[in-house]
């Protein structure tokens, strides 16, 4: 599964993540500084602090989250074109059969 997001306001995303980190009463102080630094440097890190992958699939019948990981890369978005090649790196999705 690929999820493509547009981040029109990176400052708002970063601010929300920093607020979330600050409010986390269970986060050790030594981890808090590292988390804040990572969030300021990378929007995908900010998103990772705000989105729980388990919550994304928890209510879907027959689905159990086995593993989740984050990666990001900038892509050029053209709303007129549906020819995105998001799987070019993986190379393991067969468009003819629809099988991974």
N, C-alpha and C. Protein backbone atom coordinates (compact mmCIF):
# COMPACT_ATOMS: atom_id res chain seq x y z
N UNK A 1 0.84 -1.16 0.00
CA UNK A 1 0.00 0.00 0.00
C UNK A 1 0.89 1.23 0.00
N UNK A 2 0.59 2.14 -0.89
CA UNK A 2 1.29 3.42 -0.92
C UNK A 2 0.28 4.49 -0.57
N UNK A 3 0.72 5.46 0.15
CA UNK A 3 -0.11 6.59 0.52
C UNK A 3 0.62 7.84 0.06
N UNK A 4 -0.03 8.63 -0.78
CA UNK A 4 0.57 9.86 -1.30
C UNK A 4 -0.12 11.02 -0.63
N UNK A 5 0.66 11.87 0.00
CA UNK A 5 0.14 13.03 0.70
C UNK A 5 0.73 14.30 0.14
N UNK A 6 -0.06 15.35 0.15
CA UNK A 6 0.45 16.67 -0.16
C UNK A 6 0.55 17.42 1.16
N UNK A 7 1.65 18.08 1.38
CA UNK A 7 1.84 18.86 2.60
C UNK A 7 1.91 20.33 2.19
N UNK A 8 0.74 20.99 2.11
CA UNK A 8 0.74 22.39 1.68
C UNK A 8 1.25 23.36 2.75
N UNK A 9 1.26 22.93 4.00
CA UNK A 9 1.73 23.80 5.08
C UNK A 9 2.68 23.03 5.99
N UNK A 10 3.94 22.88 5.58
CA UNK A 10 4.90 22.11 6.37
C UNK A 10 5.09 22.66 7.79
N UNK A 11 4.96 23.98 7.95
CA UNK A 11 5.13 24.56 9.28
C UNK A 11 4.01 24.11 10.23
N UNK A 12 2.79 24.01 9.71
CA UNK A 12 1.66 23.54 10.52
C UNK A 12 1.87 22.07 10.91
N UNK A 13 2.35 21.26 9.97
CA UNK A 13 2.62 19.85 10.25
C UNK A 13 3.69 19.72 11.33
N UNK A 14 4.78 20.45 11.17
CA UNK A 14 5.87 20.41 12.14
C UNK A 14 5.40 20.90 13.50
N UNK A 15 4.63 21.99 13.52
CA UNK A 15 4.12 22.52 14.78
C UNK A 15 3.23 21.53 15.50
N UNK A 16 2.36 20.85 14.75
CA UNK A 16 1.47 19.86 15.37
C UNK A 16 2.27 18.70 15.94
N UNK A 17 3.30 18.27 15.23
CA UNK A 17 4.14 17.18 15.73
C UNK A 17 4.89 17.59 16.98
N UNK A 18 5.43 18.82 16.99
CA UNK A 18 6.14 19.31 18.18
C UNK A 18 5.20 19.41 19.38
N UNK A 19 3.98 19.85 19.15
CA UNK A 19 2.98 19.92 20.23
C UNK A 19 2.67 18.52 20.76
N UNK A 20 2.55 17.56 19.84
CA UNK A 20 2.27 16.18 20.23
C UNK A 20 3.42 15.61 21.07
N UNK A 21 4.65 15.88 20.66
CA UNK A 21 5.82 15.39 21.40
C UNK A 21 5.86 16.03 22.79
N UNK A 22 5.62 17.32 22.86
CA UNK A 22 5.64 18.04 24.13
C UNK A 22 4.57 17.50 25.10
N UNK A 23 3.43 17.09 24.56
CA UNK A 23 2.32 16.62 25.39
C UNK A 23 2.46 15.15 25.79
N UNK A 24 3.42 14.44 25.20
CA UNK A 24 3.59 13.01 25.49
C UNK A 24 4.25 12.84 26.86
N UNK A 25 3.45 12.56 27.86
CA UNK A 25 3.97 12.45 29.23
C UNK A 25 4.82 11.21 29.47
N UNK A 26 4.76 10.24 28.54
CA UNK A 26 5.52 9.01 28.72
C UNK A 26 6.85 9.01 27.99
N UNK A 27 7.12 10.05 27.18
CA UNK A 27 8.37 10.11 26.43
C UNK A 27 9.50 10.57 27.36
N UNK A 28 10.57 9.77 27.43
CA UNK A 28 11.71 10.17 28.26
C UNK A 28 12.33 11.47 27.71
N UNK A 29 12.84 12.30 28.61
CA UNK A 29 13.40 13.59 28.22
C UNK A 29 14.54 13.45 27.22
N UNK A 30 15.38 12.44 27.37
CA UNK A 30 16.50 12.28 26.43
C UNK A 30 16.00 11.96 25.02
N UNK A 31 14.87 11.28 24.92
CA UNK A 31 14.28 10.98 23.62
C UNK A 31 13.55 12.19 23.04
N UNK A 32 12.99 13.01 23.90
CA UNK A 32 12.22 14.18 23.48
C UNK A 32 13.07 15.13 22.62
N UNK A 33 14.28 15.43 23.04
CA UNK A 33 15.16 16.32 22.28
C UNK A 33 15.47 15.77 20.91
N UNK A 34 15.75 14.48 20.85
CA UNK A 34 16.04 13.83 19.57
C UNK A 34 14.80 13.88 18.67
N UNK A 35 13.64 13.61 19.24
CA UNK A 35 12.39 13.61 18.47
C UNK A 35 12.11 15.00 17.91
N UNK A 36 12.28 16.02 18.72
CA UNK A 36 12.03 17.39 18.28
C UNK A 36 12.97 17.78 17.14
N UNK A 37 14.22 17.39 17.25
CA UNK A 37 15.20 17.68 16.20
C UNK A 37 14.83 16.98 14.90
N UNK A 38 14.47 15.71 14.99
CA UNK A 38 14.11 14.93 13.80
C UNK A 38 12.88 15.52 13.11
N UNK A 39 11.90 15.94 13.89
CA UNK A 39 10.66 16.51 13.35
C UNK A 39 10.94 17.83 12.63
N UNK A 40 11.84 18.62 13.17
CA UNK A 40 12.18 19.90 12.54
C UNK A 40 12.92 19.71 11.21
N UNK A 41 13.63 18.60 11.07
CA UNK A 41 14.45 18.36 9.88
C UNK A 41 13.72 17.64 8.76
N UNK A 42 12.67 16.87 9.09
CA UNK A 42 12.08 15.99 8.09
C UNK A 42 10.56 15.90 8.28
N UNK A 43 9.81 16.27 7.26
CA UNK A 43 8.35 16.22 7.34
C UNK A 43 7.82 14.80 7.55
N UNK A 44 8.51 13.81 7.02
CA UNK A 44 8.05 12.44 7.23
C UNK A 44 8.18 12.03 8.70
N UNK A 45 9.18 12.57 9.38
CA UNK A 45 9.31 12.31 10.82
C UNK A 45 8.16 12.97 11.57
N UNK A 46 7.79 14.19 11.16
CA UNK A 46 6.66 14.87 11.79
C UNK A 46 5.40 14.05 11.61
N UNK A 47 5.18 13.56 10.42
CA UNK A 47 4.00 12.74 10.15
C UNK A 47 4.01 11.46 10.98
N UNK A 48 5.18 10.87 11.13
CA UNK A 48 5.29 9.63 11.90
C UNK A 48 4.91 9.82 13.36
N UNK A 49 5.12 11.01 13.91
CA UNK A 49 4.74 11.27 15.29
C UNK A 49 3.24 11.53 15.43
N UNK A 50 2.57 11.84 14.33
CA UNK A 50 1.15 12.17 14.39
C UNK A 50 0.23 11.04 13.94
N UNK A 51 0.73 10.12 13.13
CA UNK A 51 -0.11 9.07 12.57
C UNK A 51 0.33 7.72 13.13
N UNK A 52 -0.60 7.01 13.70
CA UNK A 52 -0.34 5.66 14.21
C UNK A 52 -0.83 4.67 13.15
N UNK A 53 0.08 3.91 12.53
CA UNK A 53 -0.33 2.97 11.48
C UNK A 53 -1.40 1.97 11.95
N UNK A 54 -1.35 1.61 13.21
CA UNK A 54 -2.36 0.69 13.74
C UNK A 54 -3.75 1.30 13.63
N UNK A 55 -3.87 2.59 13.91
CA UNK A 55 -5.16 3.26 13.82
C UNK A 55 -5.70 3.27 12.39
N UNK A 56 -4.81 3.28 11.40
CA UNK A 56 -5.25 3.32 10.01
C UNK A 56 -5.98 2.05 9.60
N UNK A 57 -5.63 0.92 10.19
CA UNK A 57 -6.22 -0.36 9.76
C UNK A 57 -6.99 -1.08 10.86
N UNK A 58 -7.05 -0.52 12.04
CA UNK A 58 -7.64 -1.21 13.19
C UNK A 58 -9.09 -1.64 12.97
N UNK A 59 -9.86 -0.85 12.25
CA UNK A 59 -11.29 -1.14 12.08
C UNK A 59 -11.60 -1.88 10.78
N UNK A 60 -10.60 -2.28 10.03
CA UNK A 60 -10.83 -2.97 8.77
C UNK A 60 -10.92 -4.47 9.04
N UNK A 61 -12.09 -5.08 8.75
CA UNK A 61 -12.26 -6.51 9.00
C UNK A 61 -11.27 -7.34 8.19
N UNK A 62 -10.70 -8.34 8.82
CA UNK A 62 -9.80 -9.27 8.16
C UNK A 62 -8.39 -8.75 7.96
N UNK A 63 -8.06 -7.60 8.53
CA UNK A 63 -6.72 -7.02 8.36
C UNK A 63 -6.07 -6.88 9.71
N UNK A 64 -4.82 -7.31 9.76
CA UNK A 64 -4.02 -7.13 10.97
C UNK A 64 -2.67 -6.56 10.55
N UNK A 65 -2.26 -5.49 11.19
CA UNK A 65 -0.99 -4.86 10.85
C UNK A 65 0.15 -5.75 11.32
N UNK A 66 0.97 -6.19 10.38
CA UNK A 66 2.10 -7.05 10.71
C UNK A 66 3.37 -6.23 10.89
N UNK A 67 3.52 -5.17 10.08
CA UNK A 67 4.71 -4.34 10.15
C UNK A 67 4.40 -3.01 9.48
N UNK A 68 4.98 -1.96 9.97
CA UNK A 68 4.82 -0.64 9.35
C UNK A 68 6.18 0.05 9.32
N UNK A 69 6.43 0.77 8.25
CA UNK A 69 7.66 1.55 8.16
C UNK A 69 7.34 2.82 7.39
N UNK A 70 8.18 3.81 7.57
CA UNK A 70 7.99 5.11 6.92
C UNK A 70 9.14 5.37 5.98
N UNK A 71 8.80 5.92 4.86
CA UNK A 71 9.82 6.49 3.98
C UNK A 71 9.13 7.61 3.21
N UNK A 72 9.90 8.51 2.71
CA UNK A 72 9.29 9.58 1.93
C UNK A 72 10.23 10.00 0.82
N UNK A 73 9.62 10.54 -0.21
CA UNK A 73 10.38 11.13 -1.28
C UNK A 73 9.50 12.14 -1.99
N UNK A 74 10.08 13.24 -2.39
CA UNK A 74 9.28 14.23 -3.12
C UNK A 74 8.91 13.70 -4.50
N UNK A 75 7.70 13.95 -4.93
CA UNK A 75 7.26 13.58 -6.28
C UNK A 75 6.57 14.78 -6.91
N UNK A 76 6.64 14.86 -8.19
CA UNK A 76 5.94 15.90 -8.92
C UNK A 76 4.50 15.44 -9.09
N UNK A 77 3.58 16.24 -8.65
CA UNK A 77 2.16 15.89 -8.74
C UNK A 77 1.51 16.65 -9.87
N UNK A 78 0.93 15.92 -10.79
CA UNK A 78 0.17 16.50 -11.89
C UNK A 78 -1.23 15.91 -11.82
N UNK A 79 -2.21 16.68 -11.36
CA UNK A 79 -3.55 16.13 -11.19
C UNK A 79 -4.18 15.65 -12.49
N UNK A 80 -3.66 16.08 -13.62
CA UNK A 80 -4.19 15.65 -14.92
C UNK A 80 -3.64 14.29 -15.34
N UNK A 81 -2.55 13.90 -14.74
CA UNK A 81 -1.90 12.65 -15.12
C UNK A 81 -2.07 11.61 -14.03
N UNK A 82 -2.50 10.43 -14.40
CA UNK A 82 -2.60 9.33 -13.45
C UNK A 82 -1.49 8.31 -13.71
N UNK A 83 -0.41 8.76 -14.30
CA UNK A 83 0.69 7.87 -14.67
C UNK A 83 1.83 7.93 -13.67
N UNK A 84 1.52 7.85 -12.41
CA UNK A 84 2.56 7.84 -11.39
C UNK A 84 3.15 6.46 -11.33
N UNK A 85 4.45 6.38 -11.22
CA UNK A 85 5.12 5.09 -11.08
C UNK A 85 5.69 5.01 -9.68
N UNK A 86 4.81 4.76 -8.72
CA UNK A 86 5.24 4.71 -7.32
C UNK A 86 5.95 3.42 -6.98
N UNK A 87 5.80 2.39 -7.82
CA UNK A 87 6.41 1.10 -7.52
C UNK A 87 7.68 0.85 -8.32
N UNK A 88 8.22 1.88 -8.95
CA UNK A 88 9.39 1.66 -9.78
C UNK A 88 10.56 1.10 -9.00
N UNK A 89 10.70 1.47 -7.74
CA UNK A 89 11.78 0.94 -6.91
C UNK A 89 11.55 -0.53 -6.58
N UNK A 90 10.30 -0.85 -6.20
CA UNK A 90 10.00 -2.20 -5.79
C UNK A 90 10.03 -3.18 -6.95
N UNK A 91 9.41 -2.78 -8.06
CA UNK A 91 9.39 -3.64 -9.23
C UNK A 91 8.66 -4.94 -9.03
N UNK A 92 7.86 -5.06 -7.98
CA UNK A 92 7.22 -6.34 -7.73
C UNK A 92 5.70 -6.28 -7.84
N UNK A 93 5.15 -5.26 -8.51
CA UNK A 93 3.72 -5.18 -8.71
C UNK A 93 3.45 -5.41 -10.19
N UNK A 94 2.66 -6.41 -10.50
CA UNK A 94 2.31 -6.75 -11.87
C UNK A 94 0.99 -6.08 -12.21
N UNK A 95 1.03 -5.03 -13.07
CA UNK A 95 -0.18 -4.28 -13.40
C UNK A 95 -1.19 -5.13 -14.16
N UNK A 96 -0.72 -6.08 -14.94
CA UNK A 96 -1.64 -6.92 -15.71
C UNK A 96 -2.48 -7.81 -14.82
N UNK A 97 -1.85 -8.40 -13.83
CA UNK A 97 -2.58 -9.33 -12.94
C UNK A 97 -3.07 -8.65 -11.69
N UNK A 98 -2.48 -7.51 -11.35
CA UNK A 98 -2.84 -6.84 -10.11
C UNK A 98 -2.23 -7.49 -8.89
N UNK A 99 -1.27 -8.36 -9.09
CA UNK A 99 -0.63 -9.07 -7.99
C UNK A 99 0.69 -8.43 -7.61
N UNK A 100 0.96 -8.48 -6.33
CA UNK A 100 2.25 -7.97 -5.85
C UNK A 100 3.26 -9.08 -5.88
